[in-house]
Amino acid sequence: MNPILNKNLFLVKEKIGMFKASNNYDIFDPENNHQIMTTKEVGLGFFTKMFRFTDYKRNTPFNVVVTTPEGKPIVSIKRGIAIFRSDVEVFDENNRTIGFFKQKFWSFGGKFEVFDTHDKHLCTLEGKWTGWDFKFNKDGKELAHVSKKWAGIGKEFFTSADNYVLQINEVVAQDAPIRPLILAAVMCIDMVLKEK
C-alpha cells in the first residue's frame, strides 16, 4: 500500500472540460495544497463515450486508475455495465483484487456495502438524500466522511459542484487494508450514486 494513503484528509477536485466523457480528478494535501494523486479513466470504448452523453451515463462501465502525479499506480476501480445496481471491483498497485463494493438497490441518498476479497463486510458507505454528504460506518462507528462542506486551507478549491473533502477518522489505523477501499469508494460516488 502506498504510504500516501495513510493521510487522513484529502481534497478532491474534478478536472473540468467541455464535452468530456471521462471522470478525472486531482487529489490534494490540504496542509500544503500540493497535488498528491490524480485519477483518470482508461480504456473508454466508443460506445461507452457515446452513452456518457445520454441518460444512461450511470449504467456505463468504467475503469478508474488512481496514481501519483508521476504516474505510479496506487489503486484502480473497475465496473462493467450496470443494469439495476453496481458491483465494483477494487485492485491494488499490482492489479491484485483487494475488495469490492455492492450497491444497495433501494436506498435514499445512495448506499454501498464494502467487502474484502474474502467477502467479509468491512463497512457501509451511506449518503443523505438531501445533499452531498456520505459516511463510512462500521458497527456504529464513523470511519470516514465525505462532504462538499469545508472551511480549511483548501476552501478555495470549492468552486464547482464536484469538489469535496474526504476525512478518514483516527480510529482507522495506519496501513489498514480498508484505507485504499475508502479512497476507491469515494471515486465511485459521482459515477454510481450522483451522476445524472
N, C-alpha and C. Protein backbone atom coordinates (compact mmCIF):
# COMPACT_ATOMS: atom_id res chain seq x y z
N MET A 1 0.84 -1.18 0.00
CA MET A 1 0.00 0.00 0.00
C MET A 1 0.89 1.25 0.00
N ASN A 2 0.52 2.19 -0.85
CA ASN A 2 1.28 3.43 -0.93
C ASN A 2 1.12 4.22 0.37
N PRO A 3 2.23 4.73 0.95
CA PRO A 3 2.14 5.48 2.22
C PRO A 3 1.26 6.72 2.15
N ILE A 4 1.00 7.25 0.96
CA ILE A 4 0.16 8.44 0.82
C ILE A 4 -1.25 8.17 1.34
N LEU A 5 -1.65 6.89 1.35
CA LEU A 5 -2.99 6.53 1.83
C LEU A 5 -3.11 6.59 3.34
N ASN A 6 -2.00 6.80 4.04
CA ASN A 6 -2.04 6.94 5.49
C ASN A 6 -2.44 8.34 5.95
N LYS A 7 -2.56 9.27 5.01
CA LYS A 7 -3.07 10.59 5.37
C LYS A 7 -4.53 10.47 5.76
N ASN A 8 -5.02 11.41 6.54
CA ASN A 8 -6.41 11.36 6.98
C ASN A 8 -7.30 12.40 6.32
N LEU A 9 -6.73 13.28 5.50
CA LEU A 9 -7.52 14.33 4.88
C LEU A 9 -7.09 14.50 3.43
N PHE A 10 -8.06 14.48 2.53
CA PHE A 10 -7.81 14.60 1.10
C PHE A 10 -8.82 15.57 0.49
N LEU A 11 -8.35 16.48 -0.34
CA LEU A 11 -9.23 17.36 -1.09
C LEU A 11 -9.29 16.84 -2.52
N VAL A 12 -10.49 16.60 -3.01
CA VAL A 12 -10.70 16.01 -4.34
C VAL A 12 -11.32 17.07 -5.24
N LYS A 13 -10.68 17.32 -6.37
CA LYS A 13 -11.14 18.35 -7.31
C LYS A 13 -11.33 17.74 -8.68
N GLU A 14 -12.54 17.89 -9.22
CA GLU A 14 -12.82 17.37 -10.55
C GLU A 14 -12.10 18.21 -11.61
N LYS A 15 -11.56 17.52 -12.62
CA LYS A 15 -10.99 18.23 -13.76
C LYS A 15 -12.15 18.60 -14.68
N ILE A 16 -12.27 19.88 -14.95
CA ILE A 16 -13.37 20.38 -15.74
C ILE A 16 -13.00 20.38 -17.22
N GLY A 17 -13.96 20.05 -18.08
CA GLY A 17 -13.74 20.10 -19.52
C GLY A 17 -15.07 20.08 -20.24
N MET A 18 -15.10 20.71 -21.38
CA MET A 18 -16.34 20.71 -22.18
C MET A 18 -16.44 19.41 -22.94
N PHE A 19 -17.62 18.85 -22.99
CA PHE A 19 -17.91 17.64 -23.74
C PHE A 19 -16.98 16.50 -23.37
N LYS A 20 -16.72 16.35 -22.10
CA LYS A 20 -15.83 15.27 -21.68
C LYS A 20 -16.63 14.04 -21.30
N ALA A 21 -16.17 12.89 -21.76
CA ALA A 21 -16.86 11.63 -21.48
C ALA A 21 -16.32 10.96 -20.22
N SER A 22 -15.10 11.29 -19.84
CA SER A 22 -14.48 10.61 -18.70
C SER A 22 -14.54 11.46 -17.44
N ASN A 23 -14.42 10.78 -16.30
CA ASN A 23 -14.39 11.45 -14.99
C ASN A 23 -12.96 11.43 -14.49
N ASN A 24 -12.37 12.59 -14.33
CA ASN A 24 -10.98 12.71 -13.89
C ASN A 24 -10.89 13.70 -12.74
N TYR A 25 -10.06 13.34 -11.75
CA TYR A 25 -9.93 14.17 -10.55
C TYR A 25 -8.46 14.33 -10.18
N ASP A 26 -8.16 15.44 -9.51
CA ASP A 26 -6.88 15.63 -8.85
C ASP A 26 -7.14 15.62 -7.35
N ILE A 27 -6.21 15.03 -6.60
CA ILE A 27 -6.36 14.92 -5.15
C ILE A 27 -5.21 15.67 -4.50
N PHE A 28 -5.55 16.54 -3.53
CA PHE A 28 -4.58 17.44 -2.93
C PHE A 28 -4.43 17.19 -1.44
N ASP A 29 -3.26 17.53 -0.91
CA ASP A 29 -2.99 17.55 0.52
C ASP A 29 -3.40 18.92 1.04
N PRO A 30 -4.37 19.01 1.95
CA PRO A 30 -4.84 20.32 2.40
C PRO A 30 -3.83 21.08 3.25
N GLU A 31 -2.80 20.39 3.75
CA GLU A 31 -1.81 21.08 4.59
C GLU A 31 -0.93 22.02 3.78
N ASN A 32 -0.71 21.65 2.50
CA ASN A 32 0.17 22.49 1.67
C ASN A 32 -0.40 22.78 0.28
N ASN A 33 -1.61 22.26 0.01
CA ASN A 33 -2.27 22.43 -1.30
C ASN A 33 -1.49 21.83 -2.46
N HIS A 34 -0.61 20.87 -2.18
CA HIS A 34 0.12 20.18 -3.25
C HIS A 34 -0.69 18.99 -3.74
N GLN A 35 -0.62 18.77 -5.05
CA GLN A 35 -1.29 17.61 -5.61
C GLN A 35 -0.53 16.35 -5.20
N ILE A 36 -1.27 15.36 -4.67
CA ILE A 36 -0.61 14.12 -4.23
C ILE A 36 -1.06 12.90 -5.02
N MET A 37 -2.20 13.00 -5.69
CA MET A 37 -2.69 11.91 -6.53
C MET A 37 -3.51 12.48 -7.67
N THR A 38 -3.71 11.66 -8.68
CA THR A 38 -4.58 12.02 -9.79
C THR A 38 -5.35 10.78 -10.21
N THR A 39 -6.50 10.97 -10.81
CA THR A 39 -7.27 9.83 -11.31
C THR A 39 -7.60 10.06 -12.76
N LYS A 40 -7.72 8.97 -13.48
CA LYS A 40 -8.19 9.07 -14.86
C LYS A 40 -8.87 7.77 -15.24
N GLU A 41 -9.80 7.89 -16.16
CA GLU A 41 -10.44 6.71 -16.71
C GLU A 41 -9.64 6.25 -17.92
N VAL A 42 -9.40 4.96 -17.98
CA VAL A 42 -8.64 4.41 -19.10
C VAL A 42 -9.50 3.41 -19.86
N GLY A 43 -9.18 3.24 -21.13
CA GLY A 43 -9.84 2.21 -21.94
C GLY A 43 -11.30 2.47 -22.25
N LEU A 44 -11.71 3.74 -22.33
CA LEU A 44 -13.10 4.02 -22.66
C LEU A 44 -13.34 3.72 -24.13
N GLY A 45 -14.30 2.83 -24.39
CA GLY A 45 -14.64 2.49 -25.78
C GLY A 45 -15.55 3.54 -26.41
N PHE A 46 -15.70 3.43 -27.71
CA PHE A 46 -16.51 4.38 -28.47
C PHE A 46 -17.94 4.45 -27.97
N PHE A 47 -18.58 3.28 -27.77
CA PHE A 47 -19.98 3.28 -27.34
C PHE A 47 -20.14 3.77 -25.91
N THR A 48 -19.16 3.45 -25.06
CA THR A 48 -19.20 3.97 -23.69
C THR A 48 -19.16 5.49 -23.71
N LYS A 49 -18.27 6.06 -24.52
CA LYS A 49 -18.18 7.51 -24.63
C LYS A 49 -19.50 8.10 -25.12
N MET A 50 -20.11 7.43 -26.10
CA MET A 50 -21.39 7.93 -26.63
C MET A 50 -22.46 7.94 -25.54
N PHE A 51 -22.57 6.83 -24.79
CA PHE A 51 -23.60 6.74 -23.76
C PHE A 51 -23.35 7.67 -22.58
N ARG A 52 -22.13 8.14 -22.41
CA ARG A 52 -21.84 9.09 -21.34
C ARG A 52 -22.58 10.42 -21.54
N PHE A 53 -23.05 10.68 -22.74
CA PHE A 53 -23.77 11.92 -23.03
C PHE A 53 -25.28 11.69 -23.09
N THR A 54 -25.74 10.58 -22.52
CA THR A 54 -27.17 10.26 -22.52
C THR A 54 -27.65 10.07 -21.08
N ASP A 55 -28.93 9.72 -20.95
CA ASP A 55 -29.50 9.42 -19.63
C ASP A 55 -28.98 8.11 -19.06
N TYR A 56 -28.24 7.33 -19.87
CA TYR A 56 -27.71 6.04 -19.43
C TYR A 56 -26.28 6.13 -18.89
N LYS A 57 -25.83 7.34 -18.63
CA LYS A 57 -24.46 7.56 -18.16
C LYS A 57 -24.12 6.72 -16.93
N ARG A 58 -25.06 6.64 -15.98
CA ARG A 58 -24.81 5.89 -14.74
C ARG A 58 -24.71 4.39 -14.97
N ASN A 59 -25.11 3.90 -16.14
CA ASN A 59 -25.07 2.48 -16.43
C ASN A 59 -23.81 2.04 -17.17
N THR A 60 -22.99 3.00 -17.58
CA THR A 60 -21.82 2.66 -18.39
C THR A 60 -20.69 2.08 -17.55
N PRO A 61 -19.86 1.23 -18.17
CA PRO A 61 -18.72 0.68 -17.43
C PRO A 61 -17.66 1.75 -17.20
N PHE A 62 -16.78 1.49 -16.23
CA PHE A 62 -15.65 2.40 -16.02
C PHE A 62 -14.45 1.64 -15.50
N ASN A 63 -13.29 2.23 -15.73
CA ASN A 63 -12.02 1.72 -15.23
C ASN A 63 -11.21 2.94 -14.80
N VAL A 64 -11.25 3.23 -13.51
CA VAL A 64 -10.60 4.43 -12.97
C VAL A 64 -9.28 4.01 -12.32
N VAL A 65 -8.21 4.71 -12.68
CA VAL A 65 -6.89 4.42 -12.13
C VAL A 65 -6.43 5.63 -11.31
N VAL A 66 -6.08 5.38 -10.05
CA VAL A 66 -5.55 6.43 -9.17
C VAL A 66 -4.04 6.26 -9.13
N THR A 67 -3.31 7.33 -9.42
CA THR A 67 -1.85 7.28 -9.46
C THR A 67 -1.25 8.45 -8.70
N THR A 68 0.06 8.39 -8.48
CA THR A 68 0.79 9.56 -8.03
C THR A 68 0.84 10.54 -9.20
N PRO A 69 1.18 11.82 -8.96
CA PRO A 69 1.29 12.76 -10.08
C PRO A 69 2.31 12.30 -11.12
N GLU A 70 3.28 11.47 -10.69
CA GLU A 70 4.29 10.96 -11.63
C GLU A 70 3.80 9.74 -12.40
N GLY A 71 2.63 9.22 -12.06
CA GLY A 71 2.06 8.10 -12.80
C GLY A 71 2.20 6.73 -12.16
N LYS A 72 2.72 6.67 -10.92
CA LYS A 72 2.85 5.37 -10.24
C LYS A 72 1.48 4.93 -9.73
N PRO A 73 1.02 3.72 -10.10
CA PRO A 73 -0.32 3.26 -9.68
C PRO A 73 -0.45 3.16 -8.16
N ILE A 74 -1.65 3.49 -7.66
CA ILE A 74 -1.96 3.37 -6.24
C ILE A 74 -3.13 2.40 -6.05
N VAL A 75 -4.20 2.62 -6.80
CA VAL A 75 -5.38 1.76 -6.72
C VAL A 75 -6.16 1.94 -8.02
N SER A 76 -6.94 0.92 -8.41
CA SER A 76 -7.82 1.06 -9.58
C SER A 76 -9.19 0.48 -9.25
N ILE A 77 -10.18 1.02 -9.93
CA ILE A 77 -11.58 0.68 -9.66
C ILE A 77 -12.24 0.34 -10.99
N LYS A 78 -12.88 -0.84 -11.06
CA LYS A 78 -13.50 -1.27 -12.32
C LYS A 78 -14.93 -1.74 -12.10
N ARG A 79 -15.76 -1.41 -13.09
CA ARG A 79 -17.14 -1.88 -13.11
C ARG A 79 -17.55 -2.15 -14.55
N GLY A 80 -18.32 -3.20 -14.74
CA GLY A 80 -18.89 -3.47 -16.06
C GLY A 80 -20.17 -2.67 -16.23
N ILE A 81 -20.97 -3.04 -17.21
CA ILE A 81 -22.26 -2.38 -17.44
C ILE A 81 -23.16 -2.64 -16.24
N ALA A 82 -23.81 -1.61 -15.75
CA ALA A 82 -24.70 -1.73 -14.59
C ALA A 82 -26.15 -1.58 -15.06
N ILE A 83 -26.96 -2.58 -14.75
CA ILE A 83 -28.37 -2.51 -15.14
C ILE A 83 -29.21 -2.00 -13.97
N PHE A 84 -29.30 -2.76 -12.89
CA PHE A 84 -30.12 -2.35 -11.75
C PHE A 84 -29.28 -1.81 -10.60
N ARG A 85 -28.07 -2.35 -10.43
CA ARG A 85 -27.20 -1.89 -9.35
C ARG A 85 -25.76 -2.07 -9.80
N SER A 86 -24.85 -1.44 -9.06
CA SER A 86 -23.43 -1.52 -9.39
C SER A 86 -22.70 -2.46 -8.45
N ASP A 87 -21.91 -3.35 -9.02
CA ASP A 87 -20.92 -4.12 -8.27
C ASP A 87 -19.57 -3.71 -8.82
N VAL A 88 -18.72 -3.17 -7.94
CA VAL A 88 -17.45 -2.56 -8.36
C VAL A 88 -16.30 -3.32 -7.73
N GLU A 89 -15.27 -3.62 -8.53
CA GLU A 89 -14.07 -4.30 -8.04
C GLU A 89 -12.96 -3.28 -7.81
N VAL A 90 -12.13 -3.53 -6.78
CA VAL A 90 -11.02 -2.63 -6.46
C VAL A 90 -9.73 -3.44 -6.49
N PHE A 91 -8.68 -2.85 -7.09
CA PHE A 91 -7.39 -3.51 -7.26
C PHE A 91 -6.28 -2.65 -6.67
N ASP A 92 -5.21 -3.30 -6.20
CA ASP A 92 -4.07 -2.56 -5.65
C ASP A 92 -3.13 -2.14 -6.77
N GLU A 93 -1.97 -1.60 -6.37
CA GLU A 93 -1.00 -1.09 -7.35
C GLU A 93 -0.42 -2.18 -8.24
N ASN A 94 -0.53 -3.45 -7.82
CA ASN A 94 -0.05 -4.58 -8.62
C ASN A 94 -1.18 -5.29 -9.35
N ASN A 95 -2.33 -4.65 -9.42
CA ASN A 95 -3.51 -5.17 -10.11
C ASN A 95 -4.08 -6.43 -9.47
N ARG A 96 -3.88 -6.57 -8.15
CA ARG A 96 -4.49 -7.68 -7.39
C ARG A 96 -5.77 -7.18 -6.75
N THR A 97 -6.79 -8.00 -6.77
CA THR A 97 -8.07 -7.63 -6.15
C THR A 97 -7.90 -7.46 -4.64
N ILE A 98 -8.39 -6.33 -4.12
CA ILE A 98 -8.32 -6.09 -2.67
C ILE A 98 -9.71 -5.96 -2.04
N GLY A 99 -10.74 -5.90 -2.86
CA GLY A 99 -12.09 -5.79 -2.33
C GLY A 99 -13.08 -5.40 -3.39
N PHE A 100 -14.31 -5.19 -2.95
CA PHE A 100 -15.36 -4.80 -3.89
C PHE A 100 -16.48 -4.10 -3.14
N PHE A 101 -17.33 -3.42 -3.92
CA PHE A 101 -18.49 -2.71 -3.39
C PHE A 101 -19.74 -3.28 -4.02
N LYS A 102 -20.79 -3.36 -3.22
CA LYS A 102 -22.10 -3.75 -3.74
C LYS A 102 -23.07 -2.62 -3.44
N GLN A 103 -23.68 -2.09 -4.47
CA GLN A 103 -24.64 -1.02 -4.29
C GLN A 103 -25.95 -1.59 -3.78
N LYS A 104 -26.54 -0.93 -2.81
CA LYS A 104 -27.87 -1.32 -2.33
C LYS A 104 -28.90 -0.87 -3.35
N PHE A 105 -29.81 -1.77 -3.70
CA PHE A 105 -30.79 -1.47 -4.74
C PHE A 105 -31.75 -0.37 -4.32
N TRP A 106 -32.29 -0.45 -3.11
CA TRP A 106 -33.20 0.58 -2.62
C TRP A 106 -32.56 1.31 -1.45
N SER A 107 -32.18 2.56 -1.68
CA SER A 107 -31.66 3.37 -0.58
C SER A 107 -31.84 4.83 -0.93
N PHE A 108 -32.21 5.61 0.05
CA PHE A 108 -32.33 7.05 -0.15
C PHE A 108 -30.96 7.67 0.03
N GLY A 109 -30.50 8.38 -0.99
CA GLY A 109 -29.21 9.06 -0.90
C GLY A 109 -28.05 8.22 -1.39
N GLY A 110 -28.26 6.92 -1.59
CA GLY A 110 -27.20 6.05 -2.10
C GLY A 110 -26.50 5.28 -0.99
N LYS A 111 -26.15 4.04 -1.31
CA LYS A 111 -25.52 3.20 -0.30
C LYS A 111 -24.68 2.11 -0.97
N PHE A 112 -23.47 1.89 -0.45
CA PHE A 112 -22.57 0.80 -0.85
C PHE A 112 -22.28 -0.05 0.38
N GLU A 113 -22.14 -1.32 0.17
CA GLU A 113 -21.54 -2.19 1.18
C GLU A 113 -20.12 -2.48 0.69
N VAL A 114 -19.13 -2.37 1.57
CA VAL A 114 -17.73 -2.55 1.22
C VAL A 114 -17.25 -3.89 1.78
N PHE A 115 -16.65 -4.72 0.92
CA PHE A 115 -16.20 -6.05 1.30
C PHE A 115 -14.74 -6.24 0.94
N ASP A 116 -14.06 -7.16 1.66
CA ASP A 116 -12.71 -7.54 1.26
C ASP A 116 -12.79 -8.70 0.28
N THR A 117 -11.65 -9.25 -0.11
CA THR A 117 -11.64 -10.30 -1.13
C THR A 117 -12.24 -11.61 -0.63
N HIS A 118 -12.39 -11.76 0.69
CA HIS A 118 -12.97 -12.98 1.26
C HIS A 118 -14.46 -12.80 1.57
N ASP A 119 -15.06 -11.75 0.98
CA ASP A 119 -16.48 -11.46 1.16
C ASP A 119 -16.83 -11.05 2.59
N LYS A 120 -15.83 -10.57 3.33
CA LYS A 120 -16.07 -10.09 4.68
C LYS A 120 -16.51 -8.62 4.62
N HIS A 121 -17.63 -8.32 5.27
CA HIS A 121 -18.15 -6.95 5.28
C HIS A 121 -17.25 -6.06 6.12
N LEU A 122 -16.76 -4.97 5.52
CA LEU A 122 -15.84 -4.06 6.21
C LEU A 122 -16.53 -2.80 6.72
N CYS A 123 -17.43 -2.26 5.93
CA CYS A 123 -18.15 -1.05 6.33
C CYS A 123 -19.25 -0.75 5.32
N THR A 124 -20.02 0.29 5.63
CA THR A 124 -21.08 0.75 4.74
C THR A 124 -20.84 2.21 4.41
N LEU A 125 -20.95 2.54 3.13
CA LEU A 125 -20.92 3.94 2.69
C LEU A 125 -22.35 4.34 2.43
N GLU A 126 -22.81 5.36 3.15
CA GLU A 126 -24.21 5.76 3.00
C GLU A 126 -24.31 7.26 2.91
N GLY A 127 -25.15 7.72 1.97
CA GLY A 127 -25.36 9.15 1.77
C GLY A 127 -26.72 9.60 2.22
N LYS A 128 -26.88 10.92 2.31
CA LYS A 128 -28.18 11.51 2.63
C LYS A 128 -28.85 11.91 1.33
N TRP A 129 -30.14 11.68 1.24
CA TRP A 129 -30.85 12.02 0.02
C TRP A 129 -30.99 13.53 -0.15
N THR A 130 -30.81 14.30 0.92
CA THR A 130 -31.00 15.75 0.86
C THR A 130 -29.76 16.50 0.37
N GLY A 131 -28.63 15.84 0.24
CA GLY A 131 -27.44 16.57 -0.19
C GLY A 131 -26.25 15.67 -0.40
N TRP A 132 -25.10 16.30 -0.52
CA TRP A 132 -23.86 15.60 -0.84
C TRP A 132 -23.09 15.38 0.46
N ASP A 133 -23.47 14.34 1.18
CA ASP A 133 -22.87 14.05 2.47
C ASP A 133 -22.86 12.54 2.65
N PHE A 134 -21.67 11.93 2.73
CA PHE A 134 -21.54 10.48 2.80
C PHE A 134 -20.68 10.08 3.99
N LYS A 135 -21.07 8.97 4.63
CA LYS A 135 -20.31 8.48 5.77
C LYS A 135 -20.01 7.00 5.60
N PHE A 136 -18.80 6.63 6.03
CA PHE A 136 -18.40 5.22 6.11
C PHE A 136 -18.59 4.79 7.56
N ASN A 137 -19.46 3.82 7.80
CA ASN A 137 -19.76 3.37 9.16
C ASN A 137 -19.54 1.87 9.31
N LYS A 138 -19.11 1.48 10.50
CA LYS A 138 -18.96 0.06 10.85
C LYS A 138 -19.32 -0.09 12.32
N ASP A 139 -20.33 -0.90 12.60
CA ASP A 139 -20.76 -1.16 13.98
C ASP A 139 -21.00 0.12 14.78
N GLY A 140 -21.64 1.09 14.15
CA GLY A 140 -21.97 2.33 14.84
C GLY A 140 -20.85 3.35 14.93
N LYS A 141 -19.66 3.00 14.41
CA LYS A 141 -18.53 3.94 14.43
C LYS A 141 -18.33 4.54 13.04
N GLU A 142 -18.10 5.85 13.00
CA GLU A 142 -17.82 6.51 11.74
C GLU A 142 -16.33 6.36 11.41
N LEU A 143 -16.04 5.74 10.27
CA LEU A 143 -14.65 5.54 9.84
C LEU A 143 -14.15 6.69 8.99
N ALA A 144 -15.04 7.26 8.18
CA ALA A 144 -14.64 8.35 7.28
C ALA A 144 -15.89 9.11 6.87
N HIS A 145 -15.66 10.32 6.35
CA HIS A 145 -16.75 11.21 5.99
C HIS A 145 -16.37 11.94 4.71
N VAL A 146 -17.32 12.07 3.79
CA VAL A 146 -17.11 12.78 2.53
C VAL A 146 -18.14 13.87 2.42
N SER A 147 -17.71 15.10 2.16
CA SER A 147 -18.64 16.23 2.12
C SER A 147 -18.12 17.31 1.19
N LYS A 148 -19.04 18.14 0.73
CA LYS A 148 -18.66 19.32 -0.04
C LYS A 148 -18.42 20.53 0.85
N LYS A 149 -18.69 20.38 2.14
CA LYS A 149 -18.51 21.49 3.07
C LYS A 149 -17.12 21.40 3.69
N TRP A 150 -16.38 22.50 3.57
CA TRP A 150 -15.03 22.51 4.09
C TRP A 150 -14.62 23.95 4.35
N ALA A 151 -14.04 24.21 5.50
CA ALA A 151 -13.66 25.57 5.86
C ALA A 151 -12.17 25.67 6.13
N GLY A 152 -11.40 24.69 5.70
CA GLY A 152 -9.96 24.69 5.96
C GLY A 152 -9.18 25.42 4.90
N ILE A 153 -7.88 25.14 4.88
CA ILE A 153 -6.95 25.79 3.96
C ILE A 153 -7.39 25.67 2.51
N GLY A 154 -7.90 24.50 2.13
CA GLY A 154 -8.24 24.25 0.72
C GLY A 154 -9.61 24.74 0.31
N LYS A 155 -10.25 25.62 1.08
CA LYS A 155 -11.61 26.01 0.76
C LYS A 155 -11.72 26.70 -0.60
N GLU A 156 -10.62 27.27 -1.10
CA GLU A 156 -10.69 27.91 -2.41
C GLU A 156 -10.90 26.91 -3.54
N PHE A 157 -10.71 25.62 -3.27
CA PHE A 157 -10.95 24.61 -4.28
C PHE A 157 -12.43 24.39 -4.53
N PHE A 158 -13.29 24.82 -3.62
CA PHE A 158 -14.70 24.50 -3.71
C PHE A 158 -15.43 25.53 -4.56
N THR A 159 -15.17 25.46 -5.86
CA THR A 159 -15.76 26.42 -6.78
C THR A 159 -16.78 25.79 -7.70
N SER A 160 -16.83 24.45 -7.79
CA SER A 160 -17.82 23.79 -8.65
C SER A 160 -18.47 22.66 -7.88
N ALA A 161 -19.45 22.03 -8.50
CA ALA A 161 -20.28 21.04 -7.81
C ALA A 161 -19.52 19.76 -7.46
N ASP A 162 -18.42 19.46 -8.13
CA ASP A 162 -17.78 18.17 -7.93
C ASP A 162 -16.41 18.26 -7.27
N ASN A 163 -16.30 19.12 -6.28
CA ASN A 163 -15.12 19.19 -5.43
C ASN A 163 -15.55 18.85 -4.01
N TYR A 164 -14.77 18.02 -3.32
CA TYR A 164 -15.18 17.60 -1.99
C TYR A 164 -13.98 17.17 -1.16
N VAL A 165 -14.25 16.91 0.11
CA VAL A 165 -13.19 16.52 1.03
C VAL A 165 -13.50 15.14 1.60
N LEU A 166 -12.47 14.32 1.68
CA LEU A 166 -12.54 13.02 2.36
C LEU A 166 -11.75 13.14 3.64
N GLN A 167 -12.39 12.84 4.76
CA GLN A 167 -11.72 12.85 6.05
C GLN A 167 -11.83 11.47 6.67
N ILE A 168 -10.67 10.81 6.85
CA ILE A 168 -10.62 9.49 7.48
C ILE A 168 -10.36 9.70 8.96
N ASN A 169 -11.17 9.08 9.80
CA ASN A 169 -11.06 9.27 11.24
C ASN A 169 -9.84 8.54 11.82
N GLU A 170 -9.41 9.02 12.97
CA GLU A 170 -8.23 8.46 13.65
C GLU A 170 -8.42 6.99 14.05
N VAL A 171 -9.67 6.51 14.12
CA VAL A 171 -9.90 5.12 14.51
C VAL A 171 -9.41 4.14 13.45
N VAL A 172 -9.20 4.63 12.22
CA VAL A 172 -8.68 3.78 11.14
C VAL A 172 -7.16 3.79 11.23
N ALA A 173 -6.58 2.64 11.53
CA ALA A 173 -5.14 2.53 11.75
C ALA A 173 -4.34 2.82 10.48
N GLN A 174 -3.10 3.26 10.68
CA GLN A 174 -2.18 3.43 9.56
C GLN A 174 -1.97 2.07 8.90
N ASP A 175 -1.87 2.07 7.58
CA ASP A 175 -1.68 0.85 6.78
C ASP A 175 -2.84 -0.13 6.88
N ALA A 176 -4.00 0.29 7.39
CA ALA A 176 -5.17 -0.59 7.45
C ALA A 176 -5.63 -0.92 6.04
N PRO A 177 -5.96 -2.17 5.75
CA PRO A 177 -6.37 -2.57 4.40
C PRO A 177 -7.63 -1.85 3.90
N ILE A 178 -8.39 -1.27 4.82
CA ILE A 178 -9.60 -0.57 4.40
C ILE A 178 -9.31 0.80 3.78
N ARG A 179 -8.14 1.37 4.03
CA ARG A 179 -7.83 2.71 3.53
C ARG A 179 -7.93 2.83 2.01
N PRO A 180 -7.29 1.94 1.23
CA PRO A 180 -7.45 2.09 -0.23
C PRO A 180 -8.88 1.87 -0.70
N LEU A 181 -9.65 1.05 0.03
CA LEU A 181 -11.04 0.81 -0.34
C LEU A 181 -11.89 2.05 -0.08
N ILE A 182 -11.61 2.78 1.00
CA ILE A 182 -12.33 4.02 1.27
C ILE A 182 -12.06 5.02 0.15
N LEU A 183 -10.80 5.21 -0.21
CA LEU A 183 -10.47 6.14 -1.29
C LEU A 183 -11.14 5.72 -2.59
N ALA A 184 -11.10 4.42 -2.90
CA ALA A 184 -11.71 3.92 -4.13
C ALA A 184 -13.22 4.18 -4.14
N ALA A 185 -13.88 3.97 -3.00
CA ALA A 185 -15.32 4.19 -2.93
C ALA A 185 -15.66 5.65 -3.20
N VAL A 186 -14.84 6.56 -2.69
CA VAL A 186 -15.08 7.98 -2.91
C VAL A 186 -15.03 8.31 -4.39
N MET A 187 -14.12 7.67 -5.14
CA MET A 187 -14.01 7.91 -6.57
C MET A 187 -15.24 7.41 -7.32
N CYS A 188 -16.01 6.51 -6.70
CA CYS A 188 -17.20 5.95 -7.34
C CYS A 188 -18.48 6.71 -7.04
N ILE A 189 -18.47 7.57 -6.04
CA ILE A 189 -19.71 8.22 -5.63
C ILE A 189 -20.37 8.97 -6.78
N ASP A 190 -19.60 9.78 -7.48
CA ASP A 190 -20.17 10.55 -8.58
C ASP A 190 -20.70 9.64 -9.68
N MET A 191 -19.91 8.64 -10.06
CA MET A 191 -20.27 7.82 -11.22
C MET A 191 -21.41 6.85 -10.93
N VAL A 192 -21.54 6.39 -9.71
CA VAL A 192 -22.54 5.37 -9.39
C VAL A 192 -23.78 5.97 -8.71
N LEU A 193 -23.58 6.91 -7.81
CA LEU A 193 -24.70 7.39 -7.00
C LEU A 193 -25.22 8.76 -7.39
N LYS A 194 -24.35 9.63 -7.91
CA LYS A 194 -24.76 11.02 -8.07
C LYS A 194 -24.83 11.51 -9.52
N GLU A 195 -24.29 10.79 -10.48
CA GLU A 195 -24.34 11.26 -11.87
C GLU A 195 -25.78 11.31 -12.35
N LYS A 196 -26.05 12.31 -13.16
CA LYS A 196 -27.38 12.42 -13.76
C LYS A 196 -27.27 12.39 -15.25
